[in-house]
Protein backbone atom coordinates (compact mmCIF):
# COMPACT_ATOMS: atom_id res chain seq x y z
CA MET A 1 0.00 0.00 0.00
CA PRO A 2 2.97 2.31 0.45
CA ALA A 3 3.38 2.53 -3.27
CA ALA A 4 0.01 4.08 -3.80
CA PRO A 5 1.08 7.71 -3.25
CA ALA A 6 3.95 7.26 -5.59
CA GLU A 7 1.68 5.91 -8.20
CA GLN A 8 -0.68 8.72 -7.68
CA LYS A 9 2.19 11.14 -7.99
CA ALA A 10 3.44 9.44 -11.13
CA ALA A 11 0.02 9.40 -12.54
CA ALA A 12 -0.39 13.22 -12.04
CA PRO A 13 0.31 15.37 -15.20
CA ALA A 14 3.70 16.98 -15.48
CA PRO A 15 3.95 20.90 -15.16
CA PRO A 16 4.24 22.83 -18.50
CA GLU A 17 7.60 23.94 -19.79
CA PRO A 18 8.52 27.70 -19.74
CA ALA A 19 8.39 27.92 -23.52
CA GLU A 20 4.89 26.73 -23.50
CA GLN A 21 3.92 29.29 -20.83
CA ASN A 22 5.30 32.29 -22.98
CA GLY A 23 3.84 31.49 -26.31
CA GLY A 24 6.76 29.43 -27.31
CA MET A 25 9.49 32.30 -26.79
CA PRO A 26 12.70 31.00 -25.26
CA PRO A 27 13.74 32.50 -21.93
CA GLY A 28 17.00 33.90 -23.32
CA ARG A 29 15.25 35.74 -26.09
CA ARG A 30 12.78 37.15 -23.64
CA ARG A 31 15.57 38.48 -21.50
CA LEU A 32 17.28 40.02 -24.58
CA LEU A 33 14.09 41.76 -25.61
CA ALA A 34 13.64 43.14 -22.14
CA MET A 35 17.18 44.44 -22.09
CA ALA A 36 16.69 46.06 -25.52
CA SER A 37 13.52 47.71 -24.32
CA VAL A 38 15.31 49.08 -21.31
CA ILE A 39 18.17 50.38 -23.47
CA VAL A 40 15.76 52.05 -25.91
CA ALA A 41 13.90 53.60 -23.03
CA ILE A 42 17.15 54.87 -21.57
CA VAL A 43 18.25 56.28 -24.94
CA VAL A 44 14.88 57.92 -25.45
CA VAL A 45 15.03 59.40 -22.00
CA ILE A 46 18.60 60.65 -22.50
CA PHE A 47 17.90 62.22 -25.90
CA GLY A 48 14.54 63.48 -24.74
CA VAL A 49 16.15 65.18 -21.77
CA LYS A 50 18.90 66.61 -23.96
CA TRP A 51 16.33 67.82 -26.49
CA PHE A 52 14.21 69.34 -23.76
CA VAL A 53 17.22 71.06 -22.18
CA TYR A 54 18.39 72.32 -25.61
CA ALA A 55 14.93 73.47 -26.62
CA HIS A 56 14.49 75.21 -23.28
CA ALA A 57 17.76 77.11 -23.74
CA HIS A 58 17.36 77.93 -27.45
CA GLN A 59 14.90 79.61 -29.78
CA GLY A 60 14.90 78.21 -33.30
CA THR A 61 13.35 78.91 -36.67
CA ASP A 62 13.61 77.55 -40.18
CA ASP A 63 12.40 80.86 -41.68
CA ALA A 64 15.96 81.97 -42.31
CA THR A 65 18.11 82.50 -45.38
CA VAL A 66 21.67 83.48 -46.19
CA ASP A 67 21.91 87.14 -47.29
CA VAL A 68 24.62 89.43 -48.56
CA ASP A 69 24.82 93.07 -49.61
CA ILE A 70 25.25 92.65 -53.35
CA VAL A 71 27.46 95.36 -54.89
CA GLN A 72 26.03 96.83 -58.08
CA VAL A 73 28.56 98.18 -60.58
CA ASN A 74 27.07 101.00 -62.68
CA SER A 75 28.29 103.23 -65.48
CA LYS A 76 28.83 106.92 -64.74
CA ILE A 77 28.89 107.99 -68.40
CA THR A 78 27.10 107.16 -71.64
CA GLU A 79 29.58 105.44 -73.91
CA ARG A 80 30.20 102.37 -76.03
CA VAL A 81 31.74 99.26 -74.44
CA ASP A 82 35.20 98.64 -75.83
CA ALA A 83 36.29 95.51 -73.90
CA ILE A 84 35.13 93.27 -71.03
CA TYR A 85 37.70 91.37 -68.96
CA VAL A 86 35.53 89.24 -66.61
CA ASP A 87 32.70 86.76 -66.90
CA THR A 88 29.88 85.43 -64.76
CA ASN A 89 30.87 83.45 -61.62
CA GLN A 90 34.47 84.69 -61.89
CA ARG A 91 36.18 85.78 -58.68
CA VAL A 92 37.42 89.37 -58.71
CA ARG A 93 39.53 91.45 -56.38
CA LYS A 94 38.92 95.00 -55.28
CA GLY A 95 40.43 97.38 -57.82
CA GLN A 96 40.52 94.78 -60.62
CA LEU A 97 39.72 96.15 -64.09
CA LEU A 98 36.33 94.78 -65.16
CA MET A 99 35.72 96.57 -68.46
CA ARG A 100 36.80 99.52 -70.59
CA LEU A 101 34.66 102.04 -72.47
CA ASP A 102 35.60 103.97 -75.58
CA GLY A 103 37.17 107.24 -74.39
CA ARG A 104 37.81 109.22 -77.58
CA ASP A 105 34.90 111.61 -77.03
CA GLU A 106 35.97 112.16 -73.43
CA LEU A 107 39.54 112.89 -74.58
CA ASP A 108 38.25 115.52 -77.03
CA LYS A 109 36.20 117.10 -74.24
CA LEU A 110 39.30 117.17 -72.03
CA GLN A 111 41.35 118.95 -74.68
CA ALA A 112 38.55 121.49 -75.21
CA ALA A 113 38.30 122.06 -71.46
CA GLN A 114 42.08 122.53 -71.21
CA ALA A 115 41.97 125.10 -74.04
CA SER A 116 39.17 126.96 -72.27
CA LEU A 117 41.20 126.88 -69.08
CA ALA A 118 44.22 128.39 -70.86
CA ALA A 119 42.03 131.17 -72.32
CA ALA A 120 40.46 131.88 -68.93
CA GLN A 121 43.89 132.02 -67.28
CA ALA A 122 45.08 134.50 -69.93
CA GLN A 123 42.02 136.68 -69.29
CA ALA A 124 42.66 136.48 -65.56
CA ARG A 125 46.27 137.59 -66.02
CA GLN A 126 45.13 140.43 -68.27
CA ALA A 127 42.56 141.52 -65.70
CA SER A 128 45.19 141.39 -62.93
CA VAL A 129 47.58 143.55 -65.00
CA GLY A 130 44.65 145.86 -65.77
CA ILE A 131 44.26 146.57 -62.04
CA ASP A 132 47.87 147.73 -61.72
CA LEU A 133 47.63 149.70 -64.96
CA THR A 134 44.38 151.36 -63.86
CA GLN A 135 45.89 152.29 -60.51
CA ALA A 136 49.00 153.79 -62.15
CA THR A 137 46.98 155.58 -64.86
CA GLN A 138 44.51 156.87 -62.33
CA GLY A 139 47.34 158.29 -60.20
CA ALA A 140 48.75 160.17 -63.22
CA GLN A 141 45.29 161.37 -64.20
CA VAL A 142 44.67 162.60 -60.68
CA GLN A 143 47.92 164.58 -60.69
CA GLN A 144 47.12 165.99 -64.12
CA SER A 145 43.60 166.90 -63.06
CA GLN A 146 44.90 168.51 -59.89
CA GLY A 147 47.26 170.57 -62.08
CA GLY A 148 44.35 171.53 -64.30
CA VAL A 149 42.35 172.63 -61.27
CA SER A 150 45.25 174.73 -60.02
CA SER A 151 45.71 176.26 -63.48
CA ALA A 152 41.99 177.03 -63.72
CA GLN A 153 42.05 178.60 -60.28
CA ALA A 154 45.03 180.75 -61.35
CA GLN A 155 43.22 181.73 -64.54
CA ILE A 156 40.21 182.75 -62.46
CA LEU A 157 42.40 184.92 -60.25
CA SER A 158 44.07 186.52 -63.30
CA ALA A 159 40.71 187.04 -65.01
CA ARG A 160 39.28 188.59 -61.87
CA ALA A 161 42.30 190.90 -61.65
CA ASP A 162 41.81 191.87 -65.29
CA LEU A 163 38.13 192.41 -64.53
CA SER A 164 38.98 194.70 -61.63
CA ALA A 165 41.49 196.59 -63.80
CA GLY A 166 38.89 196.87 -66.58
CA GLU A 167 36.34 198.20 -64.16
CA ALA A 168 38.87 200.82 -62.95
CA GLN A 169 39.80 201.73 -66.54
CA LEU A 170 36.13 202.06 -67.41
CA ALA A 171 35.53 204.32 -64.44
CA THR A 172 38.55 206.46 -65.42
CA ALA A 173 37.44 206.60 -69.05
CA GLN A 174 33.92 207.52 -68.00
CA ALA A 175 35.29 210.28 -65.75
CA GLN A 176 37.51 211.58 -68.56
CA SER A 177 34.54 211.37 -70.94
CA ARG A 178 32.42 213.38 -68.55
CA ALA A 179 35.21 215.92 -68.16
CA ALA A 180 35.71 216.12 -71.94
CA GLY A 181 31.99 216.40 -72.50
CA ALA A 182 31.80 219.19 -69.94
CA ALA A 183 34.62 221.11 -71.77
CA VAL A 184 32.68 221.16 -75.08
CA PRO A 185 29.93 223.59 -73.94
CA ALA A 186 32.49 225.97 -72.48
CA ALA A 187 34.49 225.89 -75.71
CA ARG A 188 31.26 226.42 -77.66
CA ALA A 189 30.40 229.40 -75.48
CA ALA A 190 33.90 230.80 -75.90
CA LEU A 191 33.62 230.32 -79.69
CA THR A 192 30.24 232.05 -79.75
CA LYS A 193 31.65 234.99 -77.76
CA ALA A 194 34.69 235.18 -80.01
CA ASP A 195 32.49 235.18 -83.13
CA ALA A 196 30.32 237.89 -81.63
CA ASP A 197 33.37 239.98 -80.71
CA LEU A 198 34.76 239.50 -84.24
CA HIS A 199 31.47 240.58 -85.82
CA ARG A 200 31.23 243.66 -83.58
CA THR A 201 34.88 244.53 -84.18
CA GLU A 202 34.32 244.27 -87.96
CA GLN A 203 31.39 246.66 -87.71
CA LEU A 204 33.38 249.08 -85.61
CA VAL A 205 36.32 248.93 -88.01
CA ASN A 206 34.00 249.48 -90.94
CA GLU A 207 32.56 252.50 -89.12
CA GLY A 208 36.06 253.58 -88.32
CA ALA A 209 35.32 253.56 -84.66
CA VAL A 210 38.27 251.37 -83.81
CA ALA A 211 41.63 250.67 -85.33
CA ALA A 212 42.13 247.86 -87.86
CA ASN A 213 44.59 246.05 -85.67
CA GLN A 214 41.83 245.23 -83.18
CA LEU A 215 40.08 243.39 -85.98
CA ASP A 216 43.11 241.13 -86.39
CA ALA A 217 43.13 240.47 -82.67
CA ALA A 218 39.42 239.61 -82.76
CA ARG A 219 39.92 237.33 -85.72
CA ALA A 220 42.79 235.56 -83.93
CA ALA A 221 40.69 235.20 -80.81
CA ALA A 222 37.82 233.75 -82.89
CA ALA A 223 40.16 231.32 -84.62
CA SER A 224 41.61 230.28 -81.26
CA ALA A 225 38.13 229.79 -79.81
CA LEU A 226 37.19 227.71 -82.86
CA GLY A 227 40.30 225.57 -82.42
CA SER A 228 39.56 225.15 -78.71
CA TYR A 229 36.01 224.12 -79.52
CA GLN A 230 37.13 221.62 -82.12
CA GLN A 231 39.72 220.25 -79.75
CA ALA A 232 37.11 219.92 -77.01
CA GLN A 233 34.89 218.00 -79.42
CA GLN A 234 37.75 215.75 -80.40
CA ASN A 235 38.62 215.19 -76.75
CA ALA A 236 34.99 214.31 -75.99
CA GLN A 237 34.91 211.89 -78.91
CA ALA A 238 38.22 210.37 -77.83
CA ALA A 239 36.93 210.03 -74.27
CA GLU A 240 33.77 208.30 -75.52
CA ALA A 241 35.92 205.95 -77.61
CA ALA A 242 38.03 205.27 -74.53
CA VAL A 243 34.87 204.52 -72.54
CA LYS A 244 33.73 202.13 -75.24
CA ALA A 245 37.13 200.44 -75.36
CA ALA A 246 37.19 200.18 -71.55
CA GLY A 247 33.68 198.68 -71.68
CA ASP A 248 34.82 196.15 -74.28
CA ARG A 249 37.83 195.26 -72.17
CA LEU A 250 35.54 194.87 -69.12
CA SER A 251 33.21 192.58 -71.07
CA ALA A 252 36.22 190.58 -72.23
CA ALA A 253 37.44 190.37 -68.62
CA GLN A 254 33.99 189.24 -67.49
CA ALA A 255 33.95 186.61 -70.25
CA ALA A 256 37.43 185.51 -69.21
CA VAL A 257 36.23 185.13 -65.62
CA SER A 258 33.26 183.04 -66.78
CA SER A 259 35.52 180.96 -69.01
CA ALA A 260 37.99 180.46 -66.17
CA GLN A 261 35.16 179.40 -63.87
CA ALA A 262 33.92 176.97 -66.51
CA GLY A 263 37.48 175.67 -66.87
CA LEU A 264 37.66 175.23 -63.11
CA THR A 265 34.37 173.32 -63.13
CA MET A 266 35.64 171.09 -65.95
CA ALA A 267 38.97 170.55 -64.24
CA SER A 268 37.19 169.72 -60.97
CA GLY A 269 34.98 167.24 -62.83
CA LYS A 270 38.03 165.60 -64.42
CA LEU A 271 39.70 165.45 -61.02
CA ALA A 272 36.61 163.83 -59.48
CA GLU A 273 36.40 161.39 -62.40
CA SER A 274 40.06 160.47 -62.24
CA ALA A 275 40.00 160.17 -58.44
CA THR A 276 36.92 157.91 -58.33
CA PRO A 277 37.61 154.50 -56.74
CA TYR A 278 35.13 152.79 -59.04
CA LYS A 279 37.67 152.42 -61.84
CA VAL A 280 39.86 150.19 -59.71
CA SER A 281 36.78 148.48 -58.29
CA SER A 282 35.54 147.80 -61.81
CA GLN A 283 38.89 146.31 -62.77
CA GLU A 284 38.93 144.26 -59.57
CA ALA A 285 35.41 142.99 -60.37
CA GLN A 286 36.59 142.02 -63.85
CA ALA A 287 39.58 140.26 -62.28
CA GLN A 288 37.27 138.40 -59.90
CA ALA A 289 35.02 137.41 -62.79
CA ALA A 290 38.06 136.20 -64.71
CA SER A 291 39.18 134.25 -61.64
CA ALA A 292 35.73 132.67 -61.43
CA GLN A 293 36.01 131.74 -65.09
CA VAL A 294 39.34 130.07 -64.31
CA LYS A 295 37.71 128.07 -61.51
CA ASN A 296 34.87 127.04 -63.81
CA ALA A 297 37.35 126.03 -66.49
CA ARG A 298 39.34 124.03 -63.95
CA SER A 299 36.15 122.31 -62.84
CA ALA A 300 35.40 121.48 -66.48
CA VAL A 301 38.92 120.04 -66.87
CA ALA A 302 38.53 118.01 -63.67
CA GLN A 303 35.14 116.77 -64.86
CA ALA A 304 36.59 115.82 -68.23
CA GLN A 305 39.45 114.00 -66.50
CA SER A 306 36.92 112.20 -64.31
CA SER A 307 34.95 111.22 -67.40
CA ILE A 308 38.12 109.73 -68.87
CA SER A 309 38.72 107.82 -65.65
CA TYR A 310 35.12 106.58 -65.79
CA THR A 311 35.92 104.79 -69.07
CA LYS A 312 37.73 102.18 -66.98
CA ILE A 313 35.45 100.37 -64.55
CA TYR A 314 37.06 98.63 -61.59
CA ALA A 315 35.69 96.22 -59.00
CA PRO A 316 34.66 98.15 -55.86
CA SER A 317 35.09 95.10 -53.62
CA ASP A 318 36.19 91.49 -53.52
CA GLY A 319 33.66 88.88 -54.57
CA TYR A 320 32.21 86.91 -57.45
CA ILE A 321 30.54 88.18 -60.58
CA GLY A 322 27.01 87.04 -59.90
CA GLU A 323 25.39 88.74 -62.88
CA LYS A 324 26.79 90.35 -66.05
CA ASN A 325 24.38 92.61 -67.91
CA VAL A 326 26.63 94.03 -70.62
CA ALA A 327 28.29 92.92 -73.84
CA ALA A 328 31.14 94.30 -75.94
CA GLY A 329 30.01 96.90 -78.47
CA GLN A 330 26.93 97.81 -76.45
CA THR A 331 26.28 101.45 -75.60
CA VAL A 332 25.68 101.88 -71.89
CA SER A 333 23.95 104.83 -70.26
CA VAL A 334 24.48 106.68 -67.00
CA GLY A 335 23.44 104.58 -64.02
CA GLN A 336 22.99 101.38 -66.02
CA ALA A 337 23.74 98.25 -63.98
CA LEU A 338 26.67 96.39 -65.53
CA PHE A 339 27.76 93.80 -62.96
CA ALA A 340 26.49 92.42 -59.68
CA ILE A 341 29.36 91.43 -57.36
CA VAL A 342 28.56 88.98 -54.57
CA PRO A 343 31.05 89.34 -51.67
CA LEU A 344 30.87 85.84 -50.16
CA ASP A 345 33.25 86.88 -47.38
CA LYS A 346 30.58 89.29 -46.08
CA ILE A 347 27.57 87.01 -45.94
CA TYR A 348 25.12 87.09 -43.05
CA ILE A 349 21.90 85.32 -42.12
CA THR A 350 18.48 86.88 -41.79
CA ALA A 351 16.33 84.79 -39.45
CA ASN A 352 12.68 85.79 -39.12
CA TYR A 353 11.67 84.92 -35.57
CA LYS A 354 8.18 85.08 -34.21
CA GLU A 355 7.51 88.01 -31.96
CA THR A 356 6.92 85.53 -29.13
CA GLN A 357 10.49 84.22 -29.47
CA ILE A 358 12.59 87.37 -29.19
CA ALA A 359 11.83 88.48 -25.64
CA MET A 360 15.14 87.15 -24.34
CA MET A 361 17.25 87.65 -27.49
CA ARG A 362 20.20 90.02 -27.26
CA PRO A 363 23.05 90.93 -29.63
CA GLY A 364 26.09 88.75 -29.06
CA GLN A 365 24.21 85.57 -28.16
CA HIS A 366 25.53 82.32 -29.63
CA VAL A 367 23.67 80.75 -32.58
CA ASP A 368 23.79 77.20 -33.96
CA ILE A 369 23.29 77.23 -37.72
CA THR A 370 22.44 74.28 -39.92
CA VAL A 371 22.13 74.48 -43.69
CA ASP A 372 19.97 72.34 -45.90
CA ALA A 373 22.83 72.01 -48.38
CA TYR A 374 25.26 70.54 -45.82
CA LYS A 375 23.51 67.87 -43.79
CA GLY A 376 25.02 67.24 -40.39
CA LYS A 377 27.29 70.30 -40.36
CA VAL A 378 26.67 72.94 -37.71
CA PHE A 379 27.99 76.47 -38.19
CA ALA A 380 28.67 78.72 -35.23
CA GLY A 381 27.46 82.30 -35.27
CA HIS A 382 26.19 85.12 -33.10
CA VAL A 383 23.37 87.63 -33.08
CA VAL A 384 24.42 90.99 -34.50
CA SER A 385 21.20 92.96 -34.31
CA ILE A 386 17.45 92.64 -34.01
CA GLY A 387 15.20 94.39 -36.50
CA PRO A 388 13.48 97.60 -35.35
CA ALA A 389 10.13 96.53 -36.84
CA THR A 390 8.30 93.49 -38.15
CA GLY A 391 8.69 92.45 -41.74
CA SER A 392 5.10 93.39 -42.59
CA THR A 393 5.80 96.98 -41.55
CA PHE A 394 8.11 97.42 -44.55
CA SER A 395 5.88 95.60 -47.02
CA ILE A 396 4.50 97.42 -50.04
CA VAL A 397 0.95 97.01 -48.74
CA PRO A 398 1.17 97.05 -44.93
CA ALA A 399 -1.62 95.65 -42.82
CA GLN A 400 -4.50 98.02 -42.04
CA ASN A 401 -5.90 96.77 -38.76
CA ALA A 402 -8.32 99.67 -38.50
CA THR A 403 -10.42 98.48 -41.45
CA GLY A 404 -12.59 96.29 -39.24
CA ASN A 405 -11.48 92.91 -40.55
CA PHE A 406 -8.68 92.42 -38.04
CA VAL A 407 -7.34 88.91 -37.54
CA LYS A 408 -4.53 88.52 -35.08
CA VAL A 409 -1.49 87.00 -36.81
CA THR A 410 1.79 86.37 -35.09
CA GLN A 411 4.31 88.69 -36.68
CA ARG A 412 7.95 87.96 -37.42
CA ILE A 413 10.93 90.19 -36.68
CA PRO A 414 14.16 89.86 -38.68
CA VAL A 415 17.28 89.00 -36.67
CA ARG A 416 20.68 89.48 -38.27
CA ILE A 417 23.20 86.73 -37.56
CA GLU A 418 26.84 86.49 -38.62
CA LEU A 419 29.28 83.60 -38.58
CA ASP A 420 31.89 83.56 -35.85
CA GLY A 421 34.61 83.00 -38.46
CA PRO A 422 35.09 83.44 -42.18
CA ASN A 423 32.84 81.79 -44.70
CA PRO A 424 34.26 78.23 -44.98
CA ALA A 425 35.91 77.53 -48.31
CA ASP A 426 34.94 73.84 -48.36
CA THR A 427 31.30 74.43 -47.37
CA PRO A 428 30.65 78.03 -48.37
CA LEU A 429 27.35 79.67 -47.56
CA ARG A 430 25.80 81.34 -50.58
CA PRO A 431 23.05 83.97 -50.59
CA GLY A 432 19.57 82.50 -50.79
CA MET A 433 20.35 79.20 -49.03
CA ASN A 434 17.77 77.96 -46.54
CA VAL A 435 19.11 77.58 -43.00
CA VAL A 436 17.86 76.73 -39.55
CA THR A 437 19.04 78.89 -36.66
CA ASN A 438 18.88 78.25 -32.93
CA VAL A 439 19.74 81.17 -30.68
CA LYS A 440 20.96 80.33 -27.21
CA ILE A 441 18.94 82.59 -24.94
CA ARG A 442 19.83 80.98 -21.60
């Protein structure tokens, strides 16, 4: 009977194997899968924590592109293209000759401007000499005019002296004429008495009342009275002639005084004219005008020389010819764009961040930059500046929120970023490339 429990135990079904309990998976494989799950969970946790920490300390955006200030090369004159020395995509250095324009017209203009300058300089020298000549001539004219004034004044004094003498002579002649005129009636009365005495004496002689010799005495007395009368008349006539001559001399003296005064007035006018400062001032004004003409001519020469220098067009900066808009033989005009130079060593990145992302951004903060063209490469940069306004503010048609159809849209603000070093030669950044930027704000 002791064997019964053993039989019962042997008769009981055996327990299932582990593989059967786990769907047929071996225990070792189950342990490997568990370990892999743990490792994946750990990796996910590690990278998740790193991503969370990185995202918490950085602000990123993919609305960013590589930019550069493209240098436009323009023509300053209208001329025909003679030769072009560069082509598209070619690297150029600052000061390198890019093209040459035909400069024959500019050379002719320079020669004409130089001739005009020489003529203006000659006129300026002539005007300068004219000042000295005018000053010297004016000094001589002043001395001559002063002499003329002195001579006229002397002539006036002499004429006035002659006038005074003429007046005295006229007064004397008039007095003598009056005296001579007064002597004529007395002589006439004496002649009348002598004639009466002669007639009475003749009667008495004829009557024999007196002697004949008394008649001779009466006749002699009558003849003497007649001679005295005639002489008195002649003296009166001579005195009148003297008065007339004295009057003529007085008139001549008066005319001489008037003429001398007129001469003095003329001499004074010549003196005032010769002594005027406006002659020298006029010459100085002409000299200044000639000097201004010289300056204008020099400016024309300088402009012509500049035009000649403009026939050779040089690169204003280092870079690459990004666009060539000119061909040999073409006539270019003033301001026409000829080349577009892309300075790859001066590239920068414009990242358009949302307005909710820039609260803690500051210039100088570090930036991680990735470029679509170079997978896996991270460029280091820094924030240079933050735009003063949103991009929509500078758009051609800015938003008008006051029209009544306002919809709040998160705006973006441009942030300028530059590389910490030069543009890499093996992986160069080119304008227009799409990039992703992450600014470290903490």
